[in-house]
N, C-alpha and C. Protein backbone atom coordinates (compact mmCIF):
# COMPACT_ATOMS: atom_id res chain seq x y z
N UNK A 1 132.86 123.48 116.85
CA UNK A 1 133.50 124.40 117.77
C UNK A 1 133.29 125.83 117.30
N UNK A 2 132.93 126.71 118.23
CA UNK A 2 132.64 128.09 117.90
C UNK A 2 133.91 128.92 117.88
N UNK A 3 133.99 129.83 116.92
CA UNK A 3 135.13 130.75 116.85
C UNK A 3 134.92 131.87 117.85
N UNK A 4 136.01 132.54 118.22
CA UNK A 4 135.94 133.65 119.18
C UNK A 4 135.02 134.75 118.65
N UNK A 5 135.09 135.05 117.37
CA UNK A 5 134.25 136.10 116.80
C UNK A 5 132.77 135.75 116.93
N UNK A 6 132.44 134.48 116.95
CA UNK A 6 131.04 134.07 117.10
C UNK A 6 130.50 134.49 118.46
N UNK A 7 131.34 134.48 119.49
CA UNK A 7 130.90 134.90 120.83
C UNK A 7 130.50 136.37 120.81
N UNK A 8 131.32 137.20 120.16
CA UNK A 8 131.00 138.62 120.04
C UNK A 8 129.71 138.84 119.28
N UNK A 9 129.51 138.07 118.22
CA UNK A 9 128.28 138.18 117.43
C UNK A 9 127.07 137.77 118.27
N UNK A 10 127.25 136.74 119.06
CA UNK A 10 126.16 136.28 119.93
C UNK A 10 125.81 137.35 120.97
N UNK A 11 126.82 137.98 121.54
CA UNK A 11 126.59 139.05 122.52
C UNK A 11 125.88 140.22 121.86
N UNK A 12 126.36 140.63 120.68
CA UNK A 12 125.73 141.75 119.98
C UNK A 12 124.27 141.45 119.65
N UNK A 13 124.00 140.23 119.19
CA UNK A 13 122.62 139.87 118.86
C UNK A 13 121.76 139.84 120.12
N UNK A 14 122.33 139.38 121.22
CA UNK A 14 121.60 139.37 122.49
C UNK A 14 121.24 140.79 122.92
N UNK A 15 122.16 141.73 122.73
CA UNK A 15 121.90 143.13 123.07
C UNK A 15 120.77 143.67 122.19
N UNK A 16 120.84 143.42 120.89
CA UNK A 16 119.80 143.89 119.97
C UNK A 16 118.45 143.29 120.35
N UNK A 17 118.41 142.00 120.64
CA UNK A 17 117.16 141.35 121.03
C UNK A 17 116.60 141.96 122.31
N UNK A 18 117.48 142.22 123.28
CA UNK A 18 117.05 142.84 124.54
C UNK A 18 116.50 144.23 124.28
N UNK A 19 117.20 145.00 123.46
CA UNK A 19 116.76 146.36 123.16
C UNK A 19 115.39 146.37 122.49
N UNK A 20 115.17 145.48 121.55
CA UNK A 20 113.88 145.40 120.86
C UNK A 20 112.77 145.02 121.83
N UNK A 21 113.04 144.04 122.68
CA UNK A 21 112.06 143.59 123.66
C UNK A 21 111.74 144.71 124.66
N UNK A 22 112.77 145.38 125.15
CA UNK A 22 112.59 146.47 126.10
C UNK A 22 111.78 147.60 125.47
N UNK A 23 112.12 147.93 124.21
CA UNK A 23 111.41 149.00 123.52
C UNK A 23 109.94 148.65 123.31
N UNK A 24 109.66 147.39 122.97
CA UNK A 24 108.28 146.96 122.76
C UNK A 24 107.47 147.07 124.06
N UNK A 25 108.11 146.78 125.20
CA UNK A 25 107.42 146.82 126.48
C UNK A 25 107.31 148.23 127.07
N UNK A 26 108.32 149.07 126.83
CA UNK A 26 108.41 150.36 127.51
C UNK A 26 108.29 151.59 126.61
N UNK A 27 108.36 151.38 125.31
CA UNK A 27 108.23 152.50 124.38
C UNK A 27 109.50 153.30 124.16
N UNK A 28 110.56 152.98 124.88
CA UNK A 28 111.86 153.62 124.72
C UNK A 28 112.94 152.55 124.81
N UNK A 29 114.13 152.89 124.34
CA UNK A 29 115.24 151.95 124.46
C UNK A 29 115.82 151.98 125.87
N UNK A 30 116.46 150.90 126.30
CA UNK A 30 117.04 150.87 127.64
C UNK A 30 118.27 151.77 127.74
N UNK A 31 118.58 152.20 128.95
CA UNK A 31 119.80 152.95 129.21
C UNK A 31 120.98 151.99 129.22
N UNK A 32 122.19 152.55 129.21
CA UNK A 32 123.39 151.71 129.30
C UNK A 32 123.37 150.90 130.60
N UNK A 33 122.92 151.51 131.69
CA UNK A 33 122.88 150.80 132.98
C UNK A 33 121.92 149.62 132.92
N UNK A 34 120.79 149.80 132.24
CA UNK A 34 119.83 148.70 132.10
C UNK A 34 120.39 147.59 131.21
N UNK A 35 121.09 147.95 130.14
CA UNK A 35 121.72 146.95 129.28
C UNK A 35 122.81 146.23 130.06
N UNK A 36 123.60 146.99 130.81
CA UNK A 36 124.67 146.41 131.62
C UNK A 36 124.11 145.35 132.57
N UNK A 37 123.04 145.69 133.25
CA UNK A 37 122.42 144.78 134.20
C UNK A 37 121.86 143.54 133.50
N UNK A 38 121.16 143.75 132.39
CA UNK A 38 120.53 142.64 131.66
C UNK A 38 121.56 141.67 131.07
N UNK A 39 122.68 142.21 130.61
CA UNK A 39 123.71 141.37 129.98
C UNK A 39 124.73 140.83 130.98
N UNK A 40 124.71 141.37 132.19
CA UNK A 40 125.65 140.91 133.20
C UNK A 40 127.06 141.46 133.01
N UNK A 41 127.17 142.62 132.35
CA UNK A 41 128.48 143.23 132.14
C UNK A 41 128.96 143.88 133.43
N UNK A 42 130.27 143.96 133.59
CA UNK A 42 130.87 144.55 134.79
C UNK A 42 130.84 146.07 134.76
N UNK A 43 130.78 146.67 133.57
CA UNK A 43 130.83 148.13 133.49
C UNK A 43 130.04 148.64 132.29
N UNK A 44 129.72 149.93 132.35
CA UNK A 44 129.01 150.57 131.23
C UNK A 44 129.94 150.74 130.03
N UNK A 45 131.24 150.75 130.27
CA UNK A 45 132.17 150.88 129.14
C UNK A 45 132.08 149.66 128.23
N UNK A 46 131.73 148.51 128.78
CA UNK A 46 131.53 147.32 127.95
C UNK A 46 130.30 147.51 127.07
N UNK A 47 129.26 148.10 127.63
CA UNK A 47 128.06 148.41 126.85
C UNK A 47 128.42 149.38 125.73
N UNK A 48 129.19 150.43 126.06
CA UNK A 48 129.60 151.42 125.06
C UNK A 48 130.39 150.77 123.94
N UNK A 49 131.26 149.84 124.29
CA UNK A 49 132.06 149.12 123.29
C UNK A 49 131.15 148.41 122.29
N UNK A 50 130.18 147.65 122.82
CA UNK A 50 129.29 146.91 121.94
C UNK A 50 128.34 147.83 121.18
N UNK A 51 127.91 148.92 121.80
CA UNK A 51 127.05 149.87 121.10
C UNK A 51 127.78 150.52 119.93
N UNK A 52 129.06 150.83 120.11
CA UNK A 52 129.85 151.39 119.00
C UNK A 52 129.89 150.41 117.83
N UNK A 53 130.04 149.14 118.12
CA UNK A 53 130.06 148.13 117.06
C UNK A 53 128.69 148.03 116.39
N UNK A 54 127.63 148.06 117.19
CA UNK A 54 126.27 147.99 116.62
C UNK A 54 125.97 149.20 115.76
N UNK A 55 126.46 150.37 116.15
CA UNK A 55 126.30 151.57 115.33
C UNK A 55 127.07 151.40 114.03
N UNK A 56 128.30 150.95 114.13
CA UNK A 56 129.12 150.73 112.94
C UNK A 56 128.46 149.75 111.97
N UNK A 57 127.84 148.72 112.52
CA UNK A 57 127.19 147.69 111.69
C UNK A 57 125.80 148.11 111.20
N UNK A 58 125.32 149.27 111.65
CA UNK A 58 124.02 149.77 111.21
C UNK A 58 122.82 149.17 111.91
N UNK A 59 123.04 148.43 112.99
CA UNK A 59 121.92 147.81 113.72
C UNK A 59 121.29 148.78 114.70
N UNK A 60 122.06 149.79 115.10
CA UNK A 60 121.59 150.83 116.01
C UNK A 60 122.07 152.16 115.45
N UNK A 61 121.26 153.17 115.58
CA UNK A 61 121.65 154.52 115.15
C UNK A 61 121.89 155.37 116.37
N UNK A 62 122.86 156.28 116.27
CA UNK A 62 123.16 157.19 117.36
C UNK A 62 122.80 158.61 116.93
N UNK A 63 122.14 159.30 117.83
CA UNK A 63 121.76 160.69 117.62
C UNK A 63 122.71 161.53 118.46
N UNK A 64 123.35 162.51 117.84
CA UNK A 64 124.24 163.39 118.59
C UNK A 64 123.39 164.27 119.49
N UNK A 65 123.44 164.00 120.77
CA UNK A 65 122.58 164.70 121.72
C UNK A 65 123.13 164.51 123.12
N UNK A 66 122.71 165.37 124.02
CA UNK A 66 123.06 165.23 125.43
C UNK A 66 121.99 164.44 126.17
N UNK A 67 121.02 163.93 125.45
CA UNK A 67 119.96 163.16 126.08
C UNK A 67 120.48 161.83 126.60
N UNK A 68 119.85 161.35 127.63
CA UNK A 68 120.24 160.08 128.23
C UNK A 68 120.07 158.92 127.24
N UNK A 69 119.03 158.97 126.45
CA UNK A 69 118.76 157.91 125.49
C UNK A 69 118.99 158.47 124.10
N UNK A 70 120.20 158.37 123.62
CA UNK A 70 120.55 158.99 122.34
C UNK A 70 120.76 157.97 121.24
N UNK A 71 120.16 156.79 121.37
CA UNK A 71 120.24 155.75 120.35
C UNK A 71 118.84 155.38 119.93
N UNK A 72 118.71 154.87 118.71
CA UNK A 72 117.42 154.34 118.29
C UNK A 72 117.66 153.16 117.35
N UNK A 73 116.62 152.35 117.20
CA UNK A 73 116.69 151.18 116.34
C UNK A 73 116.07 151.55 115.00
N UNK A 74 116.83 151.39 113.91
CA UNK A 74 116.24 151.67 112.59
C UNK A 74 115.17 150.64 112.26
N UNK A 75 114.19 151.06 111.51
CA UNK A 75 113.09 150.15 111.13
C UNK A 75 113.53 149.19 110.06
C-alpha cells in the first residue's frame, strides 16, 4: 500500500520527467499552463505549489525575473 507522501513524490517526478522531455523536444521548459494541461491540474496555482517544492528540493532552479519562463533544470 502506498503512503500519501508517495503520491506527491510520484506527481513531482512526473512533472520533472515532463519538463525534461519538453525541453529536449522544444529547447525550452514548458510554461505553467503547459504543465497544468499535461498533468491535468485544475489550476496554475497547483503547478506553482509543486514547482516551489521542486525548487526547494533542488530539482528545478528559479531565476528571479519577469520572464515567462523563469525556471531551469540543473545539469
